[in-house]
């Protein structure tokens, strides 16, 4: 059965309860397939993809990809365009997807389709059993270079919801977030996320209120609109943006193996993101991309295996 309710118990990681999920439409189907390919390559087939149109759902079925119909809005199969009304409605559907997973008692790892895993995140997540909500950041200066979470001061910067690790206890926050978006459809989901989760936050107060938690670079939310949850910022040297991987090269400088490559801060839209991923050898292409079967000129490729 190709419903989220059927897929979550079937595919979630049985030891940790983790369930990886992304969503896409026909225009970005190749991003979703690349995202799924990388998880399978890492031995993490604990995922499903939300299809935002019927053509995508059918394409997933033909390829054997665990896929389900998602979204209450008819957003079409073409590119949404950043900050458009369709883009903002997509944000509502994304938050509803998070709610649906948490209600199924799974720990969600909710990703944009252009945020691909290049190494397993399981060891990192296992280091922070007390964390309820972990999200990367748009911070682009030197961040944590020791492989741990970002320092509390980095929480003042924009948290990027291209990757969201959320335990079931986060459900009341997700519901409050979604209710606000529905009441204010002109607002961007990421901006609202930052406003709500950081309401009343200060690094100094976090240290005073719970020094043991702060020592772990974690803090407790203060908003009266939902029960407190423990929050942390994922390190930009491991959960990389297009800038921290491709430009400032933080993983290389920190001598760390990156976990996520999220092609934010990449120019030329979807085409630019595709080619950036190809440059880093994380994009999935079928063999006929390089050697077309119809006899057309393809690409000369070099195999570095001896």
C-alpha atoms as a PDB file:
ATOM      1  CA  UNK A   1       0.000   0.000   0.000  1.00  0.00           C
ATOM      2  CA  UNK A   2       1.482   3.318  -1.089  1.00  0.00           C
ATOM      3  CA  UNK A   3       0.408   5.471   1.832  1.00  0.00           C
ATOM      4  CA  UNK A   4       2.569   7.120   4.442  1.00  0.00           C
ATOM      5  CA  UNK A   5       0.778   5.211   7.206  1.00  0.00           C
ATOM      6  CA  UNK A   6       1.782   1.938   5.563  1.00  0.00           C
ATOM      7  CA  UNK A   7       5.315   2.954   4.583  1.00  0.00           C
ATOM      8  CA  UNK A   8       6.542   4.346   7.909  1.00  0.00           C
ATOM      9  CA  UNK A   9       6.243   1.136   9.982  1.00  0.00           C
ATOM     10  CA  UNK A  10       7.553  -0.905   7.075  1.00  0.00           C
ATOM     11  CA  UNK A  11      10.652   1.156   6.296  1.00  0.00           C
ATOM     12  CA  UNK A  12      11.661   2.995   9.476  1.00  0.00           C
ATOM     13  CA  UNK A  13      14.943   1.974  11.109  1.00  0.00           C
ATOM     14  CA  UNK A  14      13.879  -0.565  13.707  1.00  0.00           C
ATOM     15  CA  UNK A  15      16.646   0.144  16.237  1.00  0.00           C
ATOM     16  CA  UNK A  16      16.419   3.940  16.213  1.00  0.00           C
ATOM     17  CA  UNK A  17      12.937   4.637  14.841  1.00  0.00           C
ATOM     18  CA  UNK A  18      14.466   6.938  12.217  1.00  0.00           C
ATOM     19  CA  UNK A  19      12.481   7.502   9.038  1.00  0.00           C
ATOM     20  CA  UNK A  20      14.020   9.501   6.193  1.00  0.00           C
ATOM     21  CA  UNK A  21      11.632  11.398   3.955  1.00  0.00           C
ATOM     22  CA  UNK A  22      11.718  13.944   1.179  1.00  0.00           C
ATOM     23  CA  UNK A  23       9.198  15.163  -1.379  1.00  0.00           C
ATOM     24  CA  UNK A  24       9.254  16.162  -5.020  1.00  0.00           C
ATOM     25  CA  UNK A  25       7.245  16.814  -8.138  1.00  0.00           C
ATOM     26  CA  UNK A  26       7.922  15.893 -11.761  1.00  0.00           C
ATOM     27  CA  UNK A  27      10.224  18.884 -12.282  1.00  0.00           C
ATOM     28  CA  UNK A  28      12.578  17.729  -9.506  1.00  0.00           C
ATOM     29  CA  UNK A  29      12.052  13.962  -9.691  1.00  0.00           C
ATOM     30  CA  UNK A  30      15.729  13.427 -10.522  1.00  0.00           C
ATOM     31  CA  UNK A  31      16.635  15.136  -7.225  1.00  0.00           C
ATOM     32  CA  UNK A  32      14.392  12.717  -5.345  1.00  0.00           C
ATOM     33  CA  UNK A  33      15.925   9.724  -7.124  1.00  0.00           C
ATOM     34  CA  UNK A  34      19.447  10.964  -6.348  1.00  0.00           C
ATOM     35  CA  UNK A  35      18.473  11.445  -2.695  1.00  0.00           C
ATOM     36  CA  UNK A  36      17.098   7.885  -2.542  1.00  0.00           C
ATOM     37  CA  UNK A  37      20.100   6.423  -4.395  1.00  0.00           C
ATOM     38  CA  UNK A  38      22.535   7.903  -1.885  1.00  0.00           C
ATOM     39  CA  UNK A  39      20.604   6.509   1.093  1.00  0.00           C
ATOM     40  CA  UNK A  40      20.560   3.049  -0.465  1.00  0.00           C
ATOM     41  CA  UNK A  41      24.272   3.307  -1.244  1.00  0.00           C
ATOM     42  CA  UNK A  42      24.841   3.960   2.463  1.00  0.00           C
ATOM     43  CA  UNK A  43      22.787   0.932   3.462  1.00  0.00           C
ATOM     44  CA  UNK A  44      19.914   3.089   4.728  1.00  0.00           C
ATOM     45  CA  UNK A  45      16.774   2.003   2.813  1.00  0.00           C
ATOM     46  CA  UNK A  46      14.647   3.507   5.592  1.00  0.00           C
ATOM     47  CA  UNK A  47      12.901   6.142   3.536  1.00  0.00           C
ATOM     48  CA  UNK A  48       9.989   7.161   1.373  1.00  0.00           C
ATOM     49  CA  UNK A  49       9.354  10.042  -1.018  1.00  0.00           C
ATOM     50  CA  UNK A  50       6.259  12.213  -1.090  1.00  0.00           C
ATOM     51  CA  UNK A  51       4.914  12.678  -4.615  1.00  0.00           C
ATOM     52  CA  UNK A  52       3.326  16.065  -5.181  1.00  0.00           C
ATOM     53  CA  UNK A  53       1.674  15.105  -8.480  1.00  0.00           C
ATOM     54  CA  UNK A  54       0.317  11.913 -10.062  1.00  0.00           C
ATOM     55  CA  UNK A  55       3.024  11.664 -12.719  1.00  0.00           C
ATOM     56  CA  UNK A  56       5.690  11.548 -10.029  1.00  0.00           C
ATOM     57  CA  UNK A  57       3.776   8.900  -8.083  1.00  0.00           C
ATOM     58  CA  UNK A  58       3.537   6.753 -11.211  1.00  0.00           C
ATOM     59  CA  UNK A  59       7.219   7.247 -12.035  1.00  0.00           C
ATOM     60  CA  UNK A  60       8.137   6.129  -8.530  1.00  0.00           C
ATOM     61  CA  UNK A  61       5.984   3.021  -8.834  1.00  0.00           C
ATOM     62  CA  UNK A  62       7.655   2.106 -12.136  1.00  0.00           C
ATOM     63  CA  UNK A  63      11.089   2.371 -10.503  1.00  0.00           C
ATOM     64  CA  UNK A  64      10.178   0.500  -7.321  1.00  0.00           C
ATOM     65  CA  UNK A  65      10.719   3.570  -5.136  1.00  0.00           C
ATOM     66  CA  UNK A  66       8.658   3.728  -1.916  1.00  0.00           C
ATOM     67  CA  UNK A  67       6.516   6.724  -2.713  1.00  0.00           C
ATOM     68  CA  UNK A  68       3.209   8.124  -1.495  1.00  0.00           C
ATOM     69  CA  UNK A  69       0.831  10.896  -2.530  1.00  0.00           C
ATOM     70  CA  UNK A  70       1.236  13.944  -0.301  1.00  0.00           C
ATOM     71  CA  UNK A  71      -0.020  17.475   0.048  1.00  0.00           C
ATOM     72  CA  UNK A  72      -3.477  18.982   0.301  1.00  0.00           C
ATOM     73  CA  UNK A  73      -2.685  21.621  -2.332  1.00  0.00           C
ATOM     74  CA  UNK A  74      -2.615  21.048  -6.085  1.00  0.00           C
ATOM     75  CA  UNK A  75       0.777  22.621  -6.804  1.00  0.00           C
ATOM     76  CA  UNK A  76       1.405  21.161 -10.243  1.00  0.00           C
ATOM     77  CA  UNK A  77       4.397  19.415 -11.784  1.00  0.00           C
ATOM     78  CA  UNK A  78       6.505  22.460 -12.713  1.00  0.00           C
ATOM     79  CA  UNK A  79       9.090  24.386 -10.705  1.00  0.00           C
ATOM     80  CA  UNK A  80       7.542  26.301  -7.793  1.00  0.00           C
ATOM     81  CA  UNK A  81       9.884  29.273  -7.936  1.00  0.00           C
ATOM     82  CA  UNK A  82      11.336  30.609  -4.714  1.00  0.00           C
ATOM     83  CA  UNK A  83       9.049  32.668  -2.455  1.00  0.00           C
ATOM     84  CA  UNK A  84       6.043  32.385  -4.781  1.00  0.00           C
ATOM     85  CA  UNK A  85       2.538  31.606  -3.463  1.00  0.00           C
ATOM     86  CA  UNK A  86       3.002  27.993  -4.618  1.00  0.00           C
ATOM     87  CA  UNK A  87       6.334  27.823  -2.798  1.00  0.00           C
ATOM     88  CA  UNK A  88       4.677  28.928   0.430  1.00  0.00           C
ATOM     89  CA  UNK A  89       1.856  26.417   0.063  1.00  0.00           C
ATOM     90  CA  UNK A  90       4.501  23.748  -0.464  1.00  0.00           C
ATOM     91  CA  UNK A  91       5.917  24.813   2.918  1.00  0.00           C
ATOM     92  CA  UNK A  92       2.562  24.095   4.544  1.00  0.00           C
ATOM     93  CA  UNK A  93       2.490  20.644   2.961  1.00  0.00           C
ATOM     94  CA  UNK A  94       6.031  20.009   4.175  1.00  0.00           C
ATOM     95  CA  UNK A  95       5.155  20.825   7.783  1.00  0.00           C
ATOM     96  CA  UNK A  96       2.020  18.678   7.570  1.00  0.00           C
ATOM     97  CA  UNK A  97       4.240  15.829   6.362  1.00  0.00           C
ATOM     98  CA  UNK A  98       6.393  16.257   9.460  1.00  0.00           C
ATOM     99  CA  UNK A  99       3.279  16.145  11.648  1.00  0.00           C
ATOM    100  CA  UNK A 100       2.038  12.980   9.952  1.00  0.00           C
ATOM    101  CA  UNK A 101       5.342  11.159  10.537  1.00  0.00           C
ATOM    102  CA  UNK A 102       5.583  12.205  14.179  1.00  0.00           C
ATOM    103  CA  UNK A 103       2.010  11.019  14.771  1.00  0.00           C
ATOM    104  CA  UNK A 104       3.133   7.597  13.518  1.00  0.00           C
ATOM    105  CA  UNK A 105       5.673   7.568  16.375  1.00  0.00           C
ATOM    106  CA  UNK A 106       8.723   7.728  14.144  1.00  0.00           C
ATOM    107  CA  UNK A 107      11.723  10.033  14.437  1.00  0.00           C
ATOM    108  CA  UNK A 108      11.623  12.088  11.268  1.00  0.00           C
ATOM    109  CA  UNK A 109      14.622  13.057   9.179  1.00  0.00           C
ATOM    110  CA  UNK A 110      12.781  15.403   6.830  1.00  0.00           C
ATOM    111  CA  UNK A 111      14.835  16.739   3.927  1.00  0.00           C
ATOM    112  CA  UNK A 112      14.486  18.929   0.904  1.00  0.00           C
ATOM    113  CA  UNK A 113      15.232  16.819  -2.166  1.00  0.00           C
ATOM    114  CA  UNK A 114      18.420  18.808  -2.849  1.00  0.00           C
ATOM    115  CA  UNK A 115      19.878  17.796   0.538  1.00  0.00           C
ATOM    116  CA  UNK A 116      21.558  14.440  -0.076  1.00  0.00           C
ATOM    117  CA  UNK A 117      23.320  12.180   2.406  1.00  0.00           C
ATOM    118  CA  UNK A 118      26.894  11.343   1.476  1.00  0.00           C
ATOM    119  CA  UNK A 119      27.747   9.550   4.726  1.00  0.00           C
ATOM    120  CA  UNK A 120      25.519   7.923   7.324  1.00  0.00           C
ATOM    121  CA  UNK A 121      24.120  10.328   9.945  1.00  0.00           C
ATOM    122  CA  UNK A 122      23.285   7.534  12.382  1.00  0.00           C
ATOM    123  CA  UNK A 123      26.516   7.738  14.453  1.00  0.00           C
ATOM    124  CA  UNK A 124      26.155  11.514  14.757  1.00  0.00           C
ATOM    125  CA  UNK A 125      22.504  11.403  15.828  1.00  0.00           C
ATOM    126  CA  UNK A 126      23.315   8.647  18.337  1.00  0.00           C
ATOM    127  CA  UNK A 127      25.719  11.017  20.120  1.00  0.00           C
ATOM    128  CA  UNK A 128      22.812  13.262  21.163  1.00  0.00           C
ATOM    129  CA  UNK A 129      20.055  11.075  22.659  1.00  0.00           C
ATOM    130  CA  UNK A 130      18.752  14.049  24.663  1.00  0.00           C
ATOM    131  CA  UNK A 131      18.203  16.167  21.535  1.00  0.00           C
ATOM    132  CA  UNK A 132      14.617  16.476  20.314  1.00  0.00           C
ATOM    133  CA  UNK A 133      15.138  18.787  17.337  1.00  0.00           C
ATOM    134  CA  UNK A 134      18.309  19.243  15.278  1.00  0.00           C
ATOM    135  CA  UNK A 135      18.511  21.580  12.284  1.00  0.00           C
ATOM    136  CA  UNK A 136      21.452  22.968  10.259  1.00  0.00           C
ATOM    137  CA  UNK A 137      22.202  26.640   9.761  1.00  0.00           C
ATOM    138  CA  UNK A 138      22.881  29.179   7.025  1.00  0.00           C
ATOM    139  CA  UNK A 139      25.903  30.406   9.014  1.00  0.00           C
ATOM    140  CA  UNK A 140      28.821  30.583   6.571  1.00  0.00           C
ATOM    141  CA  UNK A 141      31.807  31.614   8.713  1.00  0.00           C
ATOM    142  CA  UNK A 142      33.984  29.109  10.548  1.00  0.00           C
ATOM    143  CA  UNK A 143      31.688  26.928  12.617  1.00  0.00           C
ATOM    144  CA  UNK A 144      32.351  23.949  14.865  1.00  0.00           C
ATOM    145  CA  UNK A 145      35.410  22.184  13.461  1.00  0.00           C
ATOM    146  CA  UNK A 146      35.525  19.377  16.034  1.00  0.00           C
ATOM    147  CA  UNK A 147      32.659  17.291  14.665  1.00  0.00           C
ATOM    148  CA  UNK A 148      30.167  18.358  17.344  1.00  0.00           C
ATOM    149  CA  UNK A 149      27.097  20.579  17.288  1.00  0.00           C
ATOM    150  CA  UNK A 150      27.508  24.288  16.664  1.00  0.00           C
ATOM    151  CA  UNK A 151      28.097  26.563  19.651  1.00  0.00           C
ATOM    152  CA  UNK A 152      25.017  28.164  21.223  1.00  0.00           C
ATOM    153  CA  UNK A 153      25.864  31.548  19.712  1.00  0.00           C
ATOM    154  CA  UNK A 154      25.313  30.136  16.207  1.00  0.00           C
ATOM    155  CA  UNK A 155      21.632  29.656  17.076  1.00  0.00           C
ATOM    156  CA  UNK A 156      21.180  33.399  16.552  1.00  0.00           C
ATOM    157  CA  UNK A 157      21.800  32.812  12.839  1.00  0.00           C
ATOM    158  CA  UNK A 158      19.166  31.465  10.461  1.00  0.00           C
ATOM    159  CA  UNK A 159      18.395  27.799  11.009  1.00  0.00           C
ATOM    160  CA  UNK A 160      17.825  26.131   7.637  1.00  0.00           C
ATOM    161  CA  UNK A 161      14.987  23.593   7.538  1.00  0.00           C
ATOM    162  CA  UNK A 162      16.384  21.790   4.499  1.00  0.00           C
ATOM    163  CA  UNK A 163      17.161  19.009   6.997  1.00  0.00           C
ATOM    164  CA  UNK A 164      15.040  18.507  10.110  1.00  0.00           C
ATOM    165  CA  UNK A 165      15.742  15.781  12.692  1.00  0.00           C
ATOM    166  CA  UNK A 166      12.684  15.590  14.957  1.00  0.00           C
ATOM    167  CA  UNK A 167      11.611  13.095  17.592  1.00  0.00           C
ATOM    168  CA  UNK A 168       7.899  12.456  18.252  1.00  0.00           C
ATOM    169  CA  UNK A 169       8.001  14.842  21.244  1.00  0.00           C
ATOM    170  CA  UNK A 170       8.347  17.688  18.711  1.00  0.00           C
ATOM    171  CA  UNK A 171       4.754  17.122  17.538  1.00  0.00           C
ATOM    172  CA  UNK A 172       3.130  19.983  19.541  1.00  0.00           C
ATOM    173  CA  UNK A 173       5.652  22.446  18.107  1.00  0.00           C
ATOM    174  CA  UNK A 174       5.032  21.163  14.562  1.00  0.00           C
ATOM    175  CA  UNK A 175       1.275  21.540  15.020  1.00  0.00           C
ATOM    176  CA  UNK A 176       1.665  25.113  16.310  1.00  0.00           C
ATOM    177  CA  UNK A 177       3.988  25.896  13.403  1.00  0.00           C
ATOM    178  CA  UNK A 178       1.506  24.556  10.872  1.00  0.00           C
ATOM    179  CA  UNK A 179      -1.449  26.371  12.430  1.00  0.00           C
ATOM    180  CA  UNK A 180       0.422  29.663  12.167  1.00  0.00           C
ATOM    181  CA  UNK A 181       1.280  29.031   8.506  1.00  0.00           C
ATOM    182  CA  UNK A 182      -2.331  28.263   7.638  1.00  0.00           C
ATOM    183  CA  UNK A 183      -3.457  31.448   9.380  1.00  0.00           C
ATOM    184  CA  UNK A 184      -0.743  33.454   7.596  1.00  0.00           C
ATOM    185  CA  UNK A 185      -0.299  31.883   4.122  1.00  0.00           C
ATOM    186  CA  UNK A 186       1.890  34.760   2.993  1.00  0.00           C
ATOM    187  CA  UNK A 187       4.651  33.763   5.435  1.00  0.00           C
ATOM    188  CA  UNK A 188       7.650  31.541   4.593  1.00  0.00           C
ATOM    189  CA  UNK A 189       7.799  28.368   6.681  1.00  0.00           C
ATOM    190  CA  UNK A 190      11.519  28.748   7.452  1.00  0.00           C
ATOM    191  CA  UNK A 191      11.177  32.289   8.805  1.00  0.00           C
ATOM    192  CA  UNK A 192       8.242  31.258  10.985  1.00  0.00           C
ATOM    193  CA  UNK A 193      10.205  28.237  12.227  1.00  0.00           C
ATOM    194  CA  UNK A 194      13.055  30.452  13.369  1.00  0.00           C
ATOM    195  CA  UNK A 195      10.732  32.950  15.051  1.00  0.00           C
ATOM    196  CA  UNK A 196       8.833  30.284  16.956  1.00  0.00           C
ATOM    197  CA  UNK A 197      11.630  27.954  18.028  1.00  0.00           C
ATOM    198  CA  UNK A 198      13.887  30.833  19.154  1.00  0.00           C
ATOM    199  CA  UNK A 199      11.220  32.889  20.938  1.00  0.00           C
ATOM    200  CA  UNK A 200      12.777  34.053  24.212  1.00  0.00           C
ATOM    201  CA  UNK A 201      16.119  32.430  23.377  1.00  0.00           C
ATOM    202  CA  UNK A 202      19.481  33.755  24.479  1.00  0.00           C
ATOM    203  CA  UNK A 203      22.721  31.839  24.729  1.00  0.00           C
ATOM    204  CA  UNK A 204      23.433  33.354  28.141  1.00  0.00           C
ATOM    205  CA  UNK A 205      20.061  32.278  29.523  1.00  0.00           C
ATOM    206  CA  UNK A 206      20.492  28.801  28.087  1.00  0.00           C
ATOM    207  CA  UNK A 207      23.777  28.432  29.962  1.00  0.00           C
ATOM    208  CA  UNK A 208      22.299  29.717  33.219  1.00  0.00           C
ATOM    209  CA  UNK A 209      19.110  27.661  32.988  1.00  0.00           C
ATOM    210  CA  UNK A 210      20.732  24.318  32.161  1.00  0.00           C
ATOM    211  CA  UNK A 211      24.542  24.357  32.189  1.00  0.00           C
ATOM    212  CA  UNK A 212      24.794  20.608  31.628  1.00  0.00           C
ATOM    213  CA  UNK A 213      22.670  20.830  28.498  1.00  0.00           C
ATOM    214  CA  UNK A 214      24.525  23.931  27.309  1.00  0.00           C
ATOM    215  CA  UNK A 215      27.822  22.101  27.736  1.00  0.00           C
ATOM    216  CA  UNK A 216      26.510  19.696  25.119  1.00  0.00           C
ATOM    217  CA  UNK A 217      25.677  22.697  22.855  1.00  0.00           C
ATOM    218  CA  UNK A 218      21.968  22.122  23.311  1.00  0.00           C
ATOM    219  CA  UNK A 219      19.247  24.409  24.649  1.00  0.00           C
ATOM    220  CA  UNK A 220      15.626  24.214  25.706  1.00  0.00           C
ATOM    221  CA  UNK A 221      12.956  26.185  23.850  1.00  0.00           C
ATOM    222  CA  UNK A 222      11.173  28.913  25.817  1.00  0.00           C
ATOM    223  CA  UNK A 223       7.994  29.616  23.834  1.00  0.00           C
ATOM    224  CA  UNK A 224       4.711  29.394  25.772  1.00  0.00           C
ATOM    225  CA  UNK A 225       2.956  28.160  22.615  1.00  0.00           C
ATOM    226  CA  UNK A 226       4.212  24.559  22.918  1.00  0.00           C
ATOM    227  CA  UNK A 227       5.936  22.365  25.545  1.00  0.00           C
ATOM    228  CA  UNK A 228       9.723  22.842  25.835  1.00  0.00           C
ATOM    229  CA  UNK A 229      11.909  20.793  23.510  1.00  0.00           C
ATOM    230  CA  UNK A 230      15.673  20.350  23.403  1.00  0.00           C
ATOM    231  CA  UNK A 231      17.193  22.008  20.335  1.00  0.00           C
ATOM    232  CA  UNK A 232      20.603  21.997  18.687  1.00  0.00           C
ATOM    233  CA  UNK A 233      22.224  23.339  15.519  1.00  0.00           C
ATOM    234  CA  UNK A 234      23.837  20.782  13.235  1.00  0.00           C
ATOM    235  CA  UNK A 235      27.456  21.611  12.320  1.00  0.00           C
ATOM    236  CA  UNK A 236      28.078  23.259   8.972  1.00  0.00           C
ATOM    237  CA  UNK A 237      31.267  21.251   8.466  1.00  0.00           C
ATOM    238  CA  UNK A 238      29.190  18.054   8.420  1.00  0.00           C
ATOM    239  CA  UNK A 239      25.727  19.175   7.323  1.00  0.00           C
ATOM    240  CA  UNK A 240      27.002  21.350   4.524  1.00  0.00           C
ATOM    241  CA  UNK A 241      25.473  24.018   2.355  1.00  0.00           C
ATOM    242  CA  UNK A 242      26.681  24.666  -1.167  1.00  0.00           C
ATOM    243  CA  UNK A 243      28.908  27.378   0.285  1.00  0.00           C
ATOM    244  CA  UNK A 244      30.516  25.459   3.149  1.00  0.00           C
ATOM    245  CA  UNK A 245      31.244  22.433   0.950  1.00  0.00           C
ATOM    246  CA  UNK A 246      32.052  23.946  -2.443  1.00  0.00           C
ATOM    247  CA  UNK A 247      33.504  27.363  -1.552  1.00  0.00           C
ATOM    248  CA  UNK A 248      34.914  27.487   1.982  1.00  0.00           C
ATOM    249  CA  UNK A 249      35.506  23.695   1.938  1.00  0.00           C
ATOM    250  CA  UNK A 250      34.954  23.278   5.671  1.00  0.00           C
ATOM    251  CA  UNK A 251      34.922  19.445   5.689  1.00  0.00           C
ATOM    252  CA  UNK A 252      38.316  19.377   4.023  1.00  0.00           C
ATOM    253  CA  UNK A 253      39.739  22.050   6.327  1.00  0.00           C
ATOM    254  CA  UNK A 254      38.370  20.309   9.413  1.00  0.00           C
ATOM    255  CA  UNK A 255      39.462  16.880   8.146  1.00  0.00           C
ATOM    256  CA  UNK A 256      35.916  15.609   8.595  1.00  0.00           C
ATOM    257  CA  UNK A 257      33.779  13.356   6.418  1.00  0.00           C
ATOM    258  CA  UNK A 258      30.669  15.386   5.509  1.00  0.00           C
ATOM    259  CA  UNK A 259      27.245  13.875   6.136  1.00  0.00           C
ATOM    260  CA  UNK A 260      24.894  16.036   4.059  1.00  0.00           C
ATOM    261  CA  UNK A 261      25.366  18.159   0.974  1.00  0.00           C
ATOM    262  CA  UNK A 262      22.495  20.645   0.710  1.00  0.00           C
ATOM    263  CA  UNK A 263      22.815  22.720  -2.440  1.00  0.00           C
ATOM    264  CA  UNK A 264      21.695  25.977  -0.885  1.00  0.00           C
ATOM    265  CA  UNK A 265      23.784  29.009  -1.934  1.00  0.00           C
ATOM    266  CA  UNK A 266      24.187  27.559  -5.438  1.00  0.00           C
ATOM    267  CA  UNK A 267      23.416  29.751  -8.436  1.00  0.00           C
ATOM    268  CA  UNK A 268      21.563  28.845 -11.681  1.00  0.00           C
ATOM    269  CA  UNK A 269      18.608  27.150 -10.018  1.00  0.00           C
ATOM    270  CA  UNK A 270      18.029  23.447 -10.499  1.00  0.00           C
ATOM    271  CA  UNK A 271      20.571  23.191 -13.328  1.00  0.00           C
ATOM    272  CA  UNK A 272      23.303  24.678 -11.162  1.00  0.00           C
ATOM    273  CA  UNK A 273      22.461  22.317  -8.320  1.00  0.00           C
ATOM    274  CA  UNK A 274      22.568  19.280 -10.598  1.00  0.00           C
ATOM    275  CA  UNK A 275      25.990  20.181 -11.929  1.00  0.00           C
ATOM    276  CA  UNK A 276      27.387  20.990  -8.496  1.00  0.00           C
ATOM    277  CA  UNK A 277      26.353  17.520  -7.358  1.00  0.00           C
ATOM    278  CA  UNK A 278      27.920  15.972 -10.452  1.00  0.00           C
ATOM    279  CA  UNK A 279      31.158  17.800  -9.707  1.00  0.00           C
ATOM    280  CA  UNK A 280      31.161  16.251  -6.225  1.00  0.00           C
ATOM    281  CA  UNK A 281      30.205  12.808  -7.589  1.00  0.00           C
ATOM    282  CA  UNK A 282      27.004  12.595  -5.574  1.00  0.00           C
ATOM    283  CA  UNK A 283      24.479  12.980  -8.412  1.00  0.00           C
ATOM    284  CA  UNK A 284      22.740   9.879  -9.749  1.00  0.00           C
ATOM    285  CA  UNK A 285      22.771   9.532 -13.527  1.00  0.00           C
ATOM    286  CA  UNK A 286      21.613   6.498 -15.444  1.00  0.00           C
ATOM    287  CA  UNK A 287      24.353   4.978 -17.664  1.00  0.00           C
ATOM    288  CA  UNK A 288      22.794   6.328 -20.851  1.00  0.00           C
ATOM    289  CA  UNK A 289      23.530   9.899 -19.701  1.00  0.00           C
ATOM    290  CA  UNK A 290      27.218   9.230 -20.421  1.00  0.00           C
ATOM    291  CA  UNK A 291      26.845   6.617 -23.171  1.00  0.00           C
ATOM    292  CA  UNK A 292      23.588   7.165 -25.094  1.00  0.00           C
ATOM    293  CA  UNK A 293      22.201   3.984 -26.603  1.00  0.00           C
ATOM    294  CA  UNK A 294      21.125   5.688 -29.836  1.00  0.00           C
ATOM    295  CA  UNK A 295      24.680   6.275 -31.028  1.00  0.00           C
ATOM    296  CA  UNK A 296      24.908   9.976 -30.208  1.00  0.00           C
ATOM    297  CA  UNK A 297      28.163  11.341 -28.840  1.00  0.00           C
ATOM    298  CA  UNK A 298      28.357  10.827 -25.086  1.00  0.00           C
ATOM    299  CA  UNK A 299      31.089  11.535 -22.537  1.00  0.00           C
ATOM    300  CA  UNK A 300      34.563  10.090 -22.169  1.00  0.00           C
ATOM    301  CA  UNK A 301      34.834   8.845 -18.586  1.00  0.00           C
ATOM    302  CA  UNK A 302      37.924   7.700 -16.698  1.00  0.00           C
ATOM    303  CA  UNK A 303      37.821   4.825 -14.243  1.00  0.00           C
ATOM    304  CA  UNK A 304      40.319   5.441 -11.451  1.00  0.00           C
ATOM    305  CA  UNK A 305      40.239   1.793 -10.356  1.00  0.00           C
ATOM    306  CA  UNK A 306      43.461  -0.074 -10.987  1.00  0.00           C
END
